[in-house]
């Protein structure tokens, strides 16, 4: 009988944050990043975040954010949310949102 491997927690990965990504996070995090409460979230919370009612598309572990940015650009009436722990990915996604004038 073999021993099962110990579970591996999902930790924040460290990666190389480019200068442009770091600048984008500094300039635009208030516009594109959301601080989540530690309590249950209802539909009214998202209405306040996005400023509108609409379908909510959520992508977890979005990497560099290219697919999420494309989704948001293709469906401008949708509320798109990315969830990740990888800071360079947030930086890349914010740059794409700024480039494509996504709100």
Protein backbone atom coordinates (compact mmCIF):
# COMPACT_ATOMS: atom_id res chain seq x y z
CA UNK A 1 0.00 0.00 0.00
CA UNK A 2 1.44 3.36 -0.98
CA UNK A 3 0.98 6.58 0.87
CA UNK A 4 -1.10 9.27 -0.79
CA UNK A 5 0.77 12.43 -1.66
CA UNK A 6 0.18 15.36 0.64
CA UNK A 7 -2.27 17.89 -0.80
CA UNK A 8 -0.61 20.92 -2.38
CA UNK A 9 -2.19 24.26 -1.54
CA UNK A 10 -2.87 26.75 -4.29
CA UNK A 11 -0.43 29.51 -3.48
CA UNK A 12 0.29 32.86 -5.02
CA UNK A 13 2.89 32.21 -7.69
CA UNK A 14 5.72 34.60 -8.09
CA UNK A 15 6.50 35.68 -11.56
CA UNK A 16 8.22 38.50 -13.28
CA UNK A 17 6.10 41.61 -13.14
CA UNK A 18 7.15 43.80 -16.06
CA UNK A 19 7.62 47.53 -15.63
CA UNK A 20 4.53 48.18 -17.77
CA UNK A 21 2.45 45.74 -15.70
CA UNK A 22 3.62 47.32 -12.44
CA UNK A 23 2.75 50.79 -13.75
CA UNK A 24 -0.67 49.57 -14.91
CA UNK A 25 -1.38 48.04 -11.51
CA UNK A 26 -0.40 51.30 -9.84
CA UNK A 27 -2.42 53.53 -12.16
CA UNK A 28 -5.47 51.43 -12.92
CA UNK A 29 -6.03 49.03 -10.02
CA UNK A 30 -8.76 51.30 -8.61
CA UNK A 31 -10.61 51.04 -11.90
CA UNK A 32 -10.22 47.33 -12.61
CA UNK A 33 -9.53 45.46 -9.34
CA UNK A 34 -12.24 44.59 -6.82
CA UNK A 35 -11.72 44.07 -3.09
CA UNK A 36 -14.09 41.31 -2.07
CA UNK A 37 -15.77 41.33 1.33
CA UNK A 38 -15.20 38.41 3.66
CA UNK A 39 -18.95 37.82 3.88
CA UNK A 40 -21.52 36.42 1.47
CA UNK A 41 -22.00 38.42 -1.73
CA UNK A 42 -25.42 39.07 -3.22
CA UNK A 43 -26.42 40.33 -6.68
CA UNK A 44 -26.60 43.91 -5.41
CA UNK A 45 -22.86 43.85 -4.71
CA UNK A 46 -22.08 43.17 -8.38
CA UNK A 47 -24.49 45.87 -9.51
CA UNK A 48 -22.47 48.29 -7.40
CA UNK A 49 -19.15 47.03 -8.79
CA UNK A 50 -20.15 47.09 -12.46
CA UNK A 51 -22.69 49.92 -12.29
CA UNK A 52 -25.23 47.89 -14.24
CA UNK A 53 -27.23 44.67 -14.29
CA UNK A 54 -26.10 42.04 -16.78
CA UNK A 55 -24.82 38.50 -17.15
CA UNK A 56 -21.80 37.77 -14.96
CA UNK A 57 -18.99 35.78 -16.61
CA UNK A 58 -16.28 34.55 -14.24
CA UNK A 59 -12.92 33.14 -15.31
CA UNK A 60 -10.63 31.61 -12.71
CA UNK A 61 -6.90 31.14 -13.20
CA UNK A 62 -6.96 33.44 -16.23
CA UNK A 63 -3.21 33.42 -16.94
CA UNK A 64 -2.32 36.54 -18.92
CA UNK A 65 -5.99 37.50 -19.26
CA UNK A 66 -6.13 37.37 -23.07
CA UNK A 67 -9.22 35.15 -23.19
CA UNK A 68 -11.03 37.21 -20.55
CA UNK A 69 -10.23 40.48 -22.34
CA UNK A 70 -11.47 38.96 -25.60
CA UNK A 71 -14.68 37.83 -23.89
CA UNK A 72 -15.27 41.31 -22.47
CA UNK A 73 -14.60 42.94 -25.82
CA UNK A 74 -16.90 40.49 -27.64
CA UNK A 75 -19.74 40.90 -25.12
CA UNK A 76 -19.77 44.55 -23.98
CA UNK A 77 -23.04 44.16 -22.05
CA UNK A 78 -21.65 41.33 -19.91
CA UNK A 79 -20.00 41.88 -16.55
CA UNK A 80 -16.68 40.00 -16.73
CA UNK A 81 -14.69 39.03 -13.66
CA UNK A 82 -11.30 37.33 -13.44
CA UNK A 83 -10.11 35.56 -10.31
CA UNK A 84 -6.43 34.69 -9.94
CA UNK A 85 -3.46 34.94 -7.59
CA UNK A 86 -0.85 35.71 -10.26
CA UNK A 87 0.05 39.44 -10.16
CA UNK A 88 1.71 39.54 -13.60
CA UNK A 89 -1.54 38.16 -15.02
CA UNK A 90 -3.48 41.01 -13.44
CA UNK A 91 -0.99 43.47 -14.87
CA UNK A 92 -1.29 41.99 -18.36
CA UNK A 93 -5.10 41.93 -18.17
CA UNK A 94 -5.27 45.55 -16.99
CA UNK A 95 -3.02 46.60 -19.88
CA UNK A 96 -5.31 44.77 -22.33
CA UNK A 97 -8.40 46.41 -20.81
CA UNK A 98 -6.81 49.84 -21.11
CA UNK A 99 -5.67 49.20 -24.69
CA UNK A 100 -9.13 48.04 -25.75
CA UNK A 101 -10.94 50.72 -23.70
CA UNK A 102 -12.88 48.10 -21.72
CA UNK A 103 -14.90 49.15 -18.70
